[in-house]
Each structure stands twice: as C-alpha cells, then as structure tokens.
Amino acid sequence: MSGRPLDVLEASLEEEVTVRLKGGEEYVGVLTGYDQHMNLVLEDDEDTTIIRGDNLVSIKP
C-alpha cells in the first residue's frame, strides 16, 4: 500500500476504518466514499455519516 493519503483511502474503500477528528471524537464505520478534499462517507448498520476532510486528524484502515 502506498503512503499517499488518497491511495490509502482507495485501498480502504468498503473496509472498516477508524477516523479521529480534531475534537477527539472517533468514528468507526465502513468507508463507502471520499473525494479529493478527503471528505469521507462512513456507513454502519444504521447510519451514514459524512465527515469533512478539514476536521480529520487520522484514519486507521
């Protein structure tokens, strides 16, 4: 896996990821989409969450 952020996101599509935000919140879900600004779409059993890329601190595939 390449170390470039968008390559990591591409490799993580349809996989479970953990996302940490600037405020310390963490979200866990299946990465179902992203864009060039690293805005993310996460889904879990009940919800779809859209996270703005400028709030991200880390993404763990």
N, C-alpha and C. Protein backbone atom coordinates (compact mmCIF):
# COMPACT_ATOMS: atom_id res chain seq x y z
N MET A 1 0.85 -1.18 0.00
CA MET A 1 0.00 0.00 0.00
C MET A 1 0.89 1.24 0.00
N SER A 2 0.58 2.19 -0.88
CA SER A 2 1.35 3.43 -0.95
C SER A 2 1.06 4.29 0.27
N GLY A 3 1.99 5.19 0.59
CA GLY A 3 1.81 6.07 1.72
C GLY A 3 1.04 7.34 1.40
N ARG A 4 0.66 7.53 0.11
CA ARG A 4 -0.09 8.74 -0.25
C ARG A 4 -1.51 8.63 0.30
N PRO A 5 -2.01 9.71 0.91
CA PRO A 5 -3.32 9.64 1.57
C PRO A 5 -4.46 9.14 0.69
N LEU A 6 -4.58 9.65 -0.52
CA LEU A 6 -5.69 9.21 -1.37
C LEU A 6 -5.53 7.75 -1.81
N ASP A 7 -4.29 7.28 -1.93
CA ASP A 7 -4.08 5.86 -2.25
C ASP A 7 -4.51 4.97 -1.08
N VAL A 8 -4.23 5.43 0.13
CA VAL A 8 -4.66 4.68 1.32
C VAL A 8 -6.18 4.63 1.38
N LEU A 9 -6.84 5.76 1.10
CA LEU A 9 -8.30 5.77 1.09
C LEU A 9 -8.85 4.84 0.02
N GLU A 10 -8.27 4.87 -1.16
CA GLU A 10 -8.73 3.99 -2.24
C GLU A 10 -8.61 2.52 -1.84
N ALA A 11 -7.51 2.17 -1.21
CA ALA A 11 -7.31 0.79 -0.78
C ALA A 11 -8.25 0.40 0.36
N SER A 12 -8.77 1.40 1.08
CA SER A 12 -9.63 1.15 2.24
C SER A 12 -11.12 1.18 1.91
N LEU A 13 -11.47 1.47 0.66
CA LEU A 13 -12.89 1.50 0.28
C LEU A 13 -13.55 0.17 0.59
N GLU A 14 -14.75 0.25 1.13
CA GLU A 14 -15.56 -0.91 1.52
C GLU A 14 -14.95 -1.70 2.67
N GLU A 15 -14.00 -1.10 3.37
CA GLU A 15 -13.39 -1.71 4.55
C GLU A 15 -13.74 -0.88 5.78
N GLU A 16 -13.67 -1.49 6.95
CA GLU A 16 -13.91 -0.75 8.19
C GLU A 16 -12.69 0.09 8.53
N VAL A 17 -12.94 1.36 8.88
CA VAL A 17 -11.88 2.28 9.27
C VAL A 17 -12.28 2.97 10.58
N THR A 18 -11.27 3.48 11.27
CA THR A 18 -11.47 4.31 12.45
C THR A 18 -10.97 5.69 12.11
N VAL A 19 -11.81 6.69 12.33
CA VAL A 19 -11.48 8.07 11.99
C VAL A 19 -11.46 8.89 13.27
N ARG A 20 -10.38 9.65 13.49
CA ARG A 20 -10.29 10.54 14.65
C ARG A 20 -10.38 11.98 14.16
N LEU A 21 -11.20 12.79 14.85
CA LEU A 21 -11.40 14.17 14.48
C LEU A 21 -10.63 15.11 15.41
N LYS A 22 -10.52 16.37 15.01
CA LYS A 22 -9.80 17.37 15.79
C LYS A 22 -10.30 17.47 17.23
N GLY A 23 -11.60 17.35 17.45
CA GLY A 23 -12.18 17.46 18.78
C GLY A 23 -11.98 16.23 19.64
N GLY A 24 -11.34 15.19 19.11
CA GLY A 24 -11.09 13.97 19.86
C GLY A 24 -12.12 12.88 19.63
N GLU A 25 -13.19 13.18 18.91
CA GLU A 25 -14.20 12.17 18.61
C GLU A 25 -13.63 11.12 17.67
N GLU A 26 -14.13 9.89 17.82
CA GLU A 26 -13.75 8.81 16.91
C GLU A 26 -15.00 8.20 16.31
N TYR A 27 -14.90 7.88 15.05
CA TYR A 27 -15.98 7.20 14.34
C TYR A 27 -15.41 5.92 13.75
N VAL A 28 -16.21 4.87 13.81
CA VAL A 28 -15.85 3.59 13.19
C VAL A 28 -16.96 3.23 12.23
N GLY A 29 -16.58 2.90 11.01
CA GLY A 29 -17.58 2.52 10.02
C GLY A 29 -16.90 2.04 8.76
N VAL A 30 -17.71 1.63 7.81
CA VAL A 30 -17.22 1.19 6.51
C VAL A 30 -17.08 2.41 5.62
N LEU A 31 -15.89 2.60 5.07
CA LEU A 31 -15.63 3.72 4.17
C LEU A 31 -16.28 3.42 2.83
N THR A 32 -17.32 4.19 2.49
CA THR A 32 -18.03 3.94 1.23
C THR A 32 -17.76 5.01 0.19
N GLY A 33 -17.07 6.09 0.57
CA GLY A 33 -16.75 7.12 -0.40
C GLY A 33 -15.84 8.19 0.17
N TYR A 34 -15.18 8.91 -0.73
CA TYR A 34 -14.31 10.02 -0.36
C TYR A 34 -14.11 10.89 -1.59
N ASP A 35 -13.55 12.09 -1.40
CA ASP A 35 -13.21 12.94 -2.54
C ASP A 35 -11.81 13.50 -2.38
N GLN A 36 -11.40 14.37 -3.30
CA GLN A 36 -10.03 14.90 -3.30
C GLN A 36 -9.74 15.78 -2.10
N HIS A 37 -10.78 16.23 -1.38
CA HIS A 37 -10.59 17.05 -0.17
C HIS A 37 -10.55 16.18 1.09
N MET A 38 -10.60 14.87 0.89
CA MET A 38 -10.62 13.88 1.96
C MET A 38 -11.89 13.95 2.79
N ASN A 39 -12.98 14.48 2.20
CA ASN A 39 -14.29 14.33 2.82
C ASN A 39 -14.64 12.85 2.74
N LEU A 40 -15.16 12.29 3.82
CA LEU A 40 -15.40 10.85 3.89
C LEU A 40 -16.88 10.54 4.08
N VAL A 41 -17.29 9.40 3.56
CA VAL A 41 -18.61 8.85 3.82
C VAL A 41 -18.40 7.52 4.53
N LEU A 42 -18.90 7.43 5.77
CA LEU A 42 -18.82 6.20 6.56
C LEU A 42 -20.22 5.66 6.78
N GLU A 43 -20.36 4.36 6.71
CA GLU A 43 -21.65 3.73 6.99
C GLU A 43 -21.46 2.66 8.04
N ASP A 44 -22.47 2.58 8.93
CA ASP A 44 -22.52 1.45 9.86
C ASP A 44 -23.89 0.80 9.67
N ASP A 45 -24.30 -0.03 10.58
CA ASP A 45 -25.54 -0.78 10.40
C ASP A 45 -26.76 0.11 10.23
N GLU A 46 -26.77 1.28 10.88
CA GLU A 46 -27.97 2.11 10.89
C GLU A 46 -27.79 3.48 10.25
N ASP A 47 -26.58 4.02 10.24
CA ASP A 47 -26.39 5.41 9.85
C ASP A 47 -25.36 5.58 8.74
N THR A 48 -25.50 6.69 8.04
CA THR A 48 -24.48 7.16 7.11
C THR A 48 -23.95 8.47 7.66
N THR A 49 -22.64 8.59 7.78
CA THR A 49 -22.00 9.79 8.33
C THR A 49 -21.08 10.38 7.28
N ILE A 50 -21.21 11.69 7.07
CA ILE A 50 -20.32 12.42 6.17
C ILE A 50 -19.41 13.29 7.03
N ILE A 51 -18.11 13.14 6.84
CA ILE A 51 -17.13 13.86 7.64
C ILE A 51 -16.32 14.76 6.72
N ARG A 52 -16.26 16.04 7.06
CA ARG A 52 -15.46 16.99 6.28
C ARG A 52 -13.98 16.74 6.49
N GLY A 53 -13.23 16.77 5.41
CA GLY A 53 -11.81 16.47 5.46
C GLY A 53 -11.00 17.40 6.33
N ASP A 54 -11.45 18.66 6.49
CA ASP A 54 -10.67 19.60 7.30
C ASP A 54 -10.79 19.33 8.79
N ASN A 55 -11.63 18.39 9.20
CA ASN A 55 -11.76 18.01 10.61
C ASN A 55 -10.96 16.76 10.97
N LEU A 56 -10.38 16.10 9.97
CA LEU A 56 -9.68 14.84 10.20
C LEU A 56 -8.32 15.01 10.85
N VAL A 57 -8.02 14.12 11.77
CA VAL A 57 -6.67 14.04 12.35
C VAL A 57 -6.01 12.76 11.88
N SER A 58 -6.75 11.64 11.92
CA SER A 58 -6.17 10.37 11.48
C SER A 58 -7.25 9.42 10.97
N ILE A 59 -6.81 8.52 10.10
CA ILE A 59 -7.66 7.46 9.57
C ILE A 59 -6.86 6.17 9.69
N LYS A 60 -7.45 5.19 10.39
CA LYS A 60 -6.79 3.89 10.53
C LYS A 60 -7.55 2.85 9.74
N PRO A 61 -6.92 2.32 8.70
CA PRO A 61 -7.60 1.27 7.91
C PRO A 61 -7.63 -0.06 8.67
